[in-house]
């Protein structure tokens, strides 16, 4: 019973949200949409088009079609230039009124994985703001404002305007002059002009370029050209059954990955104990990038260089263990999954590679290692 009541509540809330959106922002029933982009490895025209169609239909557009058609209410044309800013030239036109709006949206500031989403959100905002003006269909909020500020006018047959507002009707009529001209003879019903009521058109202010810039999703911190990253990391050296724990901190510059990484471990047995670890600077470059719904998948190589250390203590007083410090380096391949739509985007990655480092042994037993073949995983977030 409780599950059925909860389902009914969810359906009711969803219907109310849909109805409220439809009343607040009337959008076209059918919209023809065409997108073209310059041939560039940083742009995927299919991903851009799919994201825009999904966002427009989810926002209230009844149907988005490809080729221009006589049955469509309007047309949306987008062309992304090959300039440094990757400027999207946008034209939105109403087929019924012939009005159109031109806009420019810069996609170069957004990360490559977020450009499709950024363009889709910007076009949806443009549609909500400008379609009522282009189509001549004001939103309910605009109609209420117009009814308060502009009283409708009634245009009589002889061309005189009379106010139809209550304030005009409440004013006392002016006294007739004794020398006023007598009324003309009553005309025949056929020649009597018909009264035509003309309502004053509501004035809708179009958003300024600054407002569009503030509303553009490409200006958010998560879609900026520089993204901060923090993660906890685990690494397992396969040949020596050694596990190191640590973390990394760095930034992403578009496709470039920069990280500072620290890993450490300690172990002991009957003969003594050893602690070892590594600290390195890592550089990677995202080669492959896929979009899977709300998830973003990436694969890239990474190389690192730094130092590794080994410290030990022996249970035998006569045995002395010398500390050691040396060069550390590794190469690896990373597979990464993230949710870029979140403000603090969670990120999960896995990697395999080989490193040069130390191996700590106690007799014929291995206490730990910082070198050899390894597999690792990390969990973190980006902002």
Protein backbone atom coordinates (compact mmCIF):
# COMPACT_ATOMS: atom_id res chain seq x y z
CA UNK A 1 0.00 0.00 0.00
CA UNK A 2 2.80 2.40 0.92
CA UNK A 3 4.64 1.61 -2.34
CA UNK A 4 1.51 2.29 -4.39
CA UNK A 5 0.93 5.63 -2.61
CA UNK A 6 4.58 6.61 -3.17
CA UNK A 7 4.31 5.77 -6.89
CA UNK A 8 1.18 7.88 -7.20
CA UNK A 9 2.92 10.79 -5.47
CA UNK A 10 5.93 10.58 -7.81
CA UNK A 11 3.66 10.54 -10.89
CA UNK A 12 1.68 13.51 -9.59
CA UNK A 13 4.81 15.55 -8.86
CA UNK A 14 6.27 14.74 -12.28
CA UNK A 15 3.04 15.75 -14.03
CA UNK A 16 2.84 18.98 -12.05
CA UNK A 17 6.46 19.83 -12.93
CA UNK A 18 5.82 19.12 -16.61
CA UNK A 19 2.64 21.23 -16.64
CA UNK A 20 4.37 24.08 -14.84
CA UNK A 21 7.25 24.04 -17.34
CA UNK A 22 4.86 24.01 -20.28
CA UNK A 23 2.93 27.03 -18.91
CA UNK A 24 6.06 28.96 -17.98
CA UNK A 25 7.85 28.57 -21.30
CA UNK A 26 5.77 27.85 -24.45
CA UNK A 27 8.03 26.12 -26.96
CA UNK A 28 7.36 24.93 -30.53
CA UNK A 29 5.58 21.65 -31.19
CA UNK A 30 7.88 20.87 -34.12
CA UNK A 31 11.37 22.31 -34.62
CA UNK A 32 13.72 21.62 -37.54
CA UNK A 33 17.32 21.41 -36.34
CA UNK A 34 20.53 21.31 -38.37
CA UNK A 35 24.09 21.32 -37.01
CA UNK A 36 27.42 21.41 -38.82
CA UNK A 37 30.91 21.63 -37.39
CA UNK A 38 34.38 22.06 -38.80
CA UNK A 39 36.39 18.82 -39.18
CA UNK A 40 38.41 18.84 -35.98
CA UNK A 41 39.46 16.10 -33.54
CA UNK A 42 38.19 18.32 -30.72
CA UNK A 43 34.62 18.34 -32.08
CA UNK A 44 32.18 15.48 -32.62
CA UNK A 45 29.20 16.75 -34.63
CA UNK A 46 27.11 13.66 -33.85
CA UNK A 47 27.62 14.04 -30.10
CA UNK A 48 26.78 17.74 -30.29
CA UNK A 49 23.59 17.10 -32.29
CA UNK A 50 22.42 14.25 -30.02
CA UNK A 51 22.95 16.32 -26.87
CA UNK A 52 21.05 19.32 -28.31
CA UNK A 53 18.10 17.17 -29.46
CA UNK A 54 17.85 15.42 -26.08
CA UNK A 55 18.00 18.68 -24.14
CA UNK A 56 15.42 20.48 -26.32
CA UNK A 57 12.95 17.59 -26.19
CA UNK A 58 13.44 17.24 -22.42
CA UNK A 59 12.89 20.99 -22.05
CA UNK A 60 9.50 20.99 -23.77
CA UNK A 61 9.98 20.99 -27.56
CA UNK A 62 7.43 18.53 -28.92
CA UNK A 63 9.49 17.05 -31.77
CA UNK A 64 12.92 17.84 -33.23
CA UNK A 65 13.32 16.91 -36.90
CA UNK A 66 16.33 17.07 -39.17
CA UNK A 67 15.49 18.60 -42.53
CA UNK A 68 13.46 21.83 -42.82
CA UNK A 69 9.76 21.13 -43.30
CA UNK A 70 6.62 23.17 -43.93
CA UNK A 71 4.98 21.62 -40.86
CA UNK A 72 7.68 22.81 -38.47
CA UNK A 73 6.96 25.83 -36.28
CA UNK A 74 10.54 27.04 -36.41
CA UNK A 75 14.10 26.24 -37.37
CA UNK A 76 17.35 26.13 -35.42
CA UNK A 77 20.62 26.21 -37.36
CA UNK A 78 24.04 25.85 -35.72
CA UNK A 79 27.48 25.97 -37.32
CA UNK A 80 30.66 25.63 -35.23
CA UNK A 81 33.63 27.51 -36.69
CA UNK A 82 37.24 26.34 -36.62
CA UNK A 83 38.52 29.43 -34.83
CA UNK A 84 40.41 29.33 -31.54
CA UNK A 85 37.23 29.95 -29.51
CA UNK A 86 35.26 27.27 -31.42
CA UNK A 87 32.43 29.75 -31.92
CA UNK A 88 28.98 28.32 -32.60
CA UNK A 89 26.96 30.54 -34.98
CA UNK A 90 23.29 30.07 -34.00
CA UNK A 91 20.17 31.15 -35.93
CA UNK A 92 16.70 30.65 -34.40
CA UNK A 93 13.73 31.49 -36.65
CA UNK A 94 9.95 31.31 -36.36
CA UNK A 95 8.32 30.10 -39.58
CA UNK A 96 4.98 31.72 -38.72
CA UNK A 97 6.17 35.27 -38.04
CA UNK A 98 9.44 35.27 -40.01
CA UNK A 99 11.33 36.70 -37.04
CA UNK A 100 14.78 35.33 -36.30
CA UNK A 101 17.52 35.67 -33.70
CA UNK A 102 21.28 35.32 -34.21
CA UNK A 103 23.59 34.34 -31.37
CA UNK A 104 27.23 33.35 -30.90
CA UNK A 105 28.34 30.80 -28.28
CA UNK A 106 32.02 30.13 -27.51
CA UNK A 107 32.76 26.46 -26.80
CA UNK A 108 36.55 26.71 -26.55
CA UNK A 109 36.49 27.51 -22.82
CA UNK A 110 34.72 24.21 -22.02
CA UNK A 111 36.53 20.91 -21.67
CA UNK A 112 36.20 18.70 -24.79
CA UNK A 113 34.14 16.17 -22.87
CA UNK A 114 31.71 18.89 -21.72
CA UNK A 115 31.24 20.84 -24.96
CA UNK A 116 28.19 18.90 -26.12
CA UNK A 117 26.43 19.45 -22.80
CA UNK A 118 27.47 23.12 -22.72
CA UNK A 119 26.06 23.77 -26.20
CA UNK A 120 22.82 21.91 -25.40
CA UNK A 121 22.19 23.93 -22.23
CA UNK A 122 23.02 27.24 -23.93
CA UNK A 123 20.61 26.52 -26.83
CA UNK A 124 17.86 25.43 -24.43
CA UNK A 125 18.27 28.71 -22.52
CA UNK A 126 18.20 30.66 -25.78
CA UNK A 127 15.02 28.84 -26.84
CA UNK A 128 13.24 29.55 -23.56
CA UNK A 129 14.23 33.23 -23.57
CA UNK A 130 13.67 34.16 -27.24
CA UNK A 131 11.03 31.83 -28.67
CA UNK A 132 8.07 33.74 -27.10
CA UNK A 133 9.34 36.92 -28.77
CA UNK A 134 9.95 35.31 -32.16
CA UNK A 135 6.67 33.39 -32.27
CA UNK A 136 4.53 36.16 -30.75
CA UNK A 137 3.35 33.84 -27.96
CA UNK A 138 4.10 35.56 -24.64
CA UNK A 139 4.56 33.53 -21.50
CA UNK A 140 1.92 33.85 -18.71
CA UNK A 141 4.26 36.02 -16.67
CA UNK A 142 4.69 38.43 -19.57
CA UNK A 143 0.92 38.61 -20.20
CA UNK A 144 0.23 39.49 -16.58
CA UNK A 145 2.85 42.23 -16.66
CA UNK A 146 1.43 43.62 -19.90
CA UNK A 147 -2.14 43.63 -18.55
CA UNK A 148 -1.03 45.72 -15.61
CA UNK A 149 0.96 48.26 -17.60
CA UNK A 150 -0.89 48.47 -20.97
CA UNK A 151 -4.68 48.84 -21.10
CA UNK A 152 -6.27 47.36 -24.25
CA UNK A 153 -7.58 49.85 -26.75
CA UNK A 154 -10.85 49.73 -28.73
CA UNK A 155 -10.66 51.20 -32.21
CA UNK A 156 -13.99 52.60 -33.45
CA UNK A 157 -15.10 52.83 -37.03
CA UNK A 158 -14.29 56.50 -37.46
CA UNK A 159 -10.68 55.99 -36.31
CA UNK A 160 -11.00 57.32 -32.75
CA UNK A 161 -9.42 55.37 -29.87
CA UNK A 162 -11.33 54.83 -26.66
CA UNK A 163 -9.73 53.34 -23.54
CA UNK A 164 -11.32 50.10 -22.34
CA UNK A 165 -9.78 50.16 -18.87
CA UNK A 166 -11.88 50.48 -15.74
CA UNK A 167 -10.22 53.80 -14.87
CA UNK A 168 -11.34 55.33 -18.18
CA UNK A 169 -14.87 54.02 -17.75
CA UNK A 170 -15.11 55.48 -14.23
CA UNK A 171 -14.34 59.05 -15.38
CA UNK A 172 -17.44 61.31 -15.63
CA UNK A 173 -18.48 62.30 -19.12
CA UNK A 174 -17.76 65.88 -20.17
CA UNK A 175 -20.87 68.12 -20.37
CA UNK A 176 -22.17 68.68 -23.88
CA UNK A 177 -21.95 72.19 -25.25
CA UNK A 178 -25.22 73.92 -26.14
CA UNK A 179 -23.78 74.85 -29.50
CA UNK A 180 -22.61 71.36 -30.26
CA UNK A 181 -23.31 70.01 -33.69
CA UNK A 182 -26.43 67.82 -33.87
CA UNK A 183 -25.78 64.16 -34.55
CA UNK A 184 -25.87 63.00 -38.11
CA UNK A 185 -28.74 61.00 -39.49
CA UNK A 186 -28.78 57.37 -38.52
CA UNK A 187 -27.08 55.28 -41.12
CA UNK A 188 -28.45 52.07 -42.47
CA UNK A 189 -27.37 48.82 -40.75
CA UNK A 190 -25.39 47.81 -43.83
CA UNK A 191 -23.25 50.96 -43.74
CA UNK A 192 -22.59 50.86 -39.99
CA UNK A 193 -18.87 50.21 -39.48
CA UNK A 194 -17.96 47.25 -37.32
CA UNK A 195 -15.94 47.79 -34.17
CA UNK A 196 -12.57 46.09 -34.13
CA UNK A 197 -10.82 45.49 -30.82
CA UNK A 198 -7.04 45.74 -30.95
CA UNK A 199 -5.00 44.66 -27.91
CA UNK A 200 -1.68 46.33 -27.28
CA UNK A 201 1.16 43.91 -27.99
CA UNK A 202 3.09 42.96 -24.84
CA UNK A 203 6.66 44.09 -24.67
CA UNK A 204 9.11 41.31 -23.85
CA UNK A 205 12.66 42.26 -23.08
CA UNK A 206 15.25 40.06 -24.75
CA UNK A 207 18.15 39.00 -22.54
CA UNK A 208 21.30 40.99 -22.98
CA UNK A 209 24.58 39.37 -24.13
CA UNK A 210 25.88 39.65 -20.54
CA UNK A 211 22.87 37.71 -19.25
CA UNK A 212 23.44 35.02 -21.88
CA UNK A 213 27.09 34.85 -20.87
CA UNK A 214 26.18 34.43 -17.21
CA UNK A 215 23.64 31.74 -18.05
CA UNK A 216 25.96 29.87 -20.38
CA UNK A 217 27.06 26.55 -18.83
CA UNK A 218 30.49 26.94 -20.39
CA UNK A 219 31.29 29.58 -17.75
CA UNK A 220 30.89 27.20 -14.80
CA UNK A 221 33.95 26.06 -12.81
CA UNK A 222 33.48 22.41 -13.72
CA UNK A 223 33.64 23.23 -17.48
CA UNK A 224 36.62 25.58 -17.23
CA UNK A 225 39.80 25.04 -19.19
CA UNK A 226 41.63 24.22 -15.92
CA UNK A 227 40.12 21.59 -13.60
CA UNK A 228 41.48 20.66 -10.16
CA UNK A 229 41.69 16.97 -9.27
CA UNK A 230 42.23 15.03 -6.03
CA UNK A 231 42.23 11.24 -5.56
CA UNK A 232 43.15 8.43 -3.17
CA UNK A 233 45.30 5.75 -4.82
CA UNK A 234 46.16 2.07 -4.37
CA UNK A 235 48.97 0.23 -6.23
CA UNK A 236 49.70 -3.48 -6.23
CA UNK A 237 53.08 -4.74 -7.46
CA UNK A 238 52.19 -8.07 -9.01
CA UNK A 239 55.57 -9.85 -8.88
CA UNK A 240 56.20 -9.09 -5.17
CA UNK A 241 52.62 -9.10 -3.79
CA UNK A 242 53.24 -5.66 -2.34
CA UNK A 243 50.53 -3.01 -1.86
CA UNK A 244 51.24 0.74 -1.56
CA UNK A 245 48.67 3.35 -0.51
CA UNK A 246 48.68 7.09 -1.08
CA UNK A 247 47.12 9.79 -3.19
CA UNK A 248 47.62 12.37 -5.89
CA UNK A 249 46.82 16.03 -6.41
CA UNK A 250 46.94 17.99 -9.64
CA UNK A 251 45.10 19.73 -12.45
CA UNK A 252 43.75 19.01 -15.92
CA UNK A 253 44.53 21.49 -18.71
CA UNK A 254 41.98 20.37 -21.32
CA UNK A 255 43.44 17.03 -22.50
CA UNK A 256 46.67 17.35 -20.47
CA UNK A 257 46.94 15.64 -17.05
CA UNK A 258 49.42 16.84 -14.40
CA UNK A 259 49.68 15.06 -11.04
CA UNK A 260 51.89 14.99 -7.92
CA UNK A 261 51.74 11.48 -6.47
CA UNK A 262 52.92 9.95 -3.17
CA UNK A 263 52.73 6.23 -2.23
CA UNK A 264 54.07 4.44 0.87
CA UNK A 265 54.04 1.07 2.60
CA UNK A 266 55.57 -0.69 5.60
CA UNK A 267 55.95 -4.34 6.65
CA UNK A 268 57.77 -6.42 9.27
CA UNK A 269 58.64 -10.00 10.15
CA UNK A 270 60.79 -11.87 12.68
CA UNK A 271 64.02 -10.54 11.15
CA UNK A 272 63.07 -6.85 11.07
CA UNK A 273 60.90 -4.20 9.46
CA UNK A 274 61.02 -2.05 6.36
CA UNK A 275 59.24 1.09 5.15
CA UNK A 276 59.37 2.21 1.55
CA UNK A 277 57.62 4.56 -0.80
CA UNK A 278 57.84 6.87 -3.80
CA UNK A 279 57.04 10.46 -4.75
CA UNK A 280 56.75 11.49 -8.38
CA UNK A 281 55.41 14.05 -10.84
CA UNK A 282 53.13 12.51 -13.49
CA UNK A 283 52.20 13.76 -16.97
CA UNK A 284 49.49 12.25 -19.16
CA UNK A 285 47.58 13.18 -22.30
CA UNK A 286 44.01 12.08 -22.96
CA UNK A 287 44.02 10.28 -26.31
CA UNK A 288 40.55 8.70 -26.33
CA UNK A 289 37.35 10.27 -25.03
CA UNK A 290 33.86 8.71 -25.12
CA UNK A 291 30.47 9.92 -23.88
CA UNK A 292 28.13 7.23 -22.48
CA UNK A 293 24.96 8.95 -21.27
CA UNK A 294 25.83 11.00 -18.20
CA UNK A 295 29.20 9.24 -17.89
CA UNK A 296 32.43 10.25 -19.59
CA UNK A 297 35.08 7.59 -20.37
CA UNK A 298 38.70 8.42 -21.21
CA UNK A 299 41.90 6.48 -21.87
CA UNK A 300 45.40 7.92 -21.92
CA UNK A 301 49.08 7.07 -21.35
CA UNK A 302 50.96 8.57 -18.41
CA UNK A 303 54.63 8.77 -17.42
CA UNK A 304 56.14 9.79 -14.08
CA UNK A 305 59.53 10.54 -12.59
CA UNK A 306 60.64 11.17 -9.03
CA UNK A 307 62.41 9.50 -6.08
CA UNK A 308 61.94 6.27 -4.14
CA UNK A 309 63.22 5.40 -0.68
CA UNK A 310 63.80 2.37 1.51
CA UNK A 311 64.30 2.42 5.28
CA UNK A 312 64.73 -0.66 7.46
CA UNK A 313 65.46 -1.95 10.97
CA UNK A 314 66.91 -5.34 11.87
CA UNK A 315 65.90 -7.43 14.86
CA UNK A 316 69.58 -8.53 15.18
CA UNK A 317 71.70 -5.85 16.89
CA UNK A 318 74.73 -6.99 14.94
CA UNK A 319 72.96 -6.40 11.60
CA UNK A 320 72.84 -2.86 10.28
CA UNK A 321 70.46 -1.73 7.52
CA UNK A 322 71.59 1.23 5.43
CA UNK A 323 68.85 3.61 4.20
CA UNK A 324 68.59 3.93 0.44
CA UNK A 325 67.21 6.64 -1.86
CA UNK A 326 67.11 6.41 -5.64
CA UNK A 327 65.41 7.35 -8.87
CA UNK A 328 61.82 6.34 -9.46
CA UNK A 329 60.04 6.23 -12.84
CA UNK A 330 57.10 4.45 -14.38
CA UNK A 331 54.94 4.33 -17.49
CA UNK A 332 51.29 3.31 -17.38
CA UNK A 333 48.00 3.23 -19.28
CA UNK A 334 44.98 4.71 -17.51
CA UNK A 335 41.25 4.06 -18.06
CA UNK A 336 39.07 6.68 -16.41
CA UNK A 337 35.32 7.14 -15.78
CA UNK A 338 33.75 10.36 -14.48
CA UNK A 339 30.42 12.19 -14.13
CA UNK A 340 31.19 15.67 -15.55
CA UNK A 341 27.68 17.06 -15.04
CA UNK A 342 28.15 17.16 -11.26
CA UNK A 343 29.62 20.28 -9.65
CA UNK A 344 32.12 18.05 -7.80
CA UNK A 345 32.56 15.37 -10.48
CA UNK A 346 33.42 11.93 -9.00
CA UNK A 347 36.16 10.06 -10.86
CA UNK A 348 37.17 6.38 -10.83
CA UNK A 349 40.26 5.13 -12.68
CA UNK A 350 42.30 1.97 -13.16
CA UNK A 351 45.86 1.66 -14.52
CA UNK A 352 48.52 -0.90 -15.40
CA UNK A 353 52.23 -0.31 -15.98
CA UNK A 354 55.81 -0.93 -14.95
CA UNK A 355 58.03 1.01 -12.53
CA UNK A 356 61.69 1.13 -11.57
CA UNK A 357 62.37 1.14 -7.83
CA UNK A 358 63.49 -0.86 -4.77
CA UNK A 359 62.61 -4.30 -3.40
CA UNK A 360 62.86 -4.87 0.36
CA UNK A 361 63.74 -8.46 1.28
CA UNK A 362 64.16 -10.22 4.62
CA UNK A 363 66.00 -13.46 3.94
CA UNK A 364 64.04 -15.16 1.16
CA UNK A 365 60.87 -13.23 2.06
CA UNK A 366 59.82 -9.99 0.32
CA UNK A 367 58.57 -7.23 2.60
CA UNK A 368 57.64 -4.73 -0.10
CA UNK A 369 58.55 -3.14 -3.42
CA UNK A 370 58.33 0.09 -5.38
CA UNK A 371 59.38 -1.42 -8.71
CA UNK A 372 58.12 -4.01 -11.19
CA UNK A 373 54.83 -4.60 -12.98
CA UNK A 374 51.85 -3.10 -11.18
CA UNK A 375 48.09 -2.60 -11.34
CA UNK A 376 46.35 0.23 -9.55
CA UNK A 377 43.09 2.05 -8.92
CA UNK A 378 42.09 5.48 -7.67
CA UNK A 379 38.92 7.21 -6.47
CA UNK A 380 38.61 10.98 -6.39
CA UNK A 381 36.83 14.07 -7.62
CA UNK A 382 37.31 17.05 -9.93
CA UNK A 383 36.20 20.64 -9.66
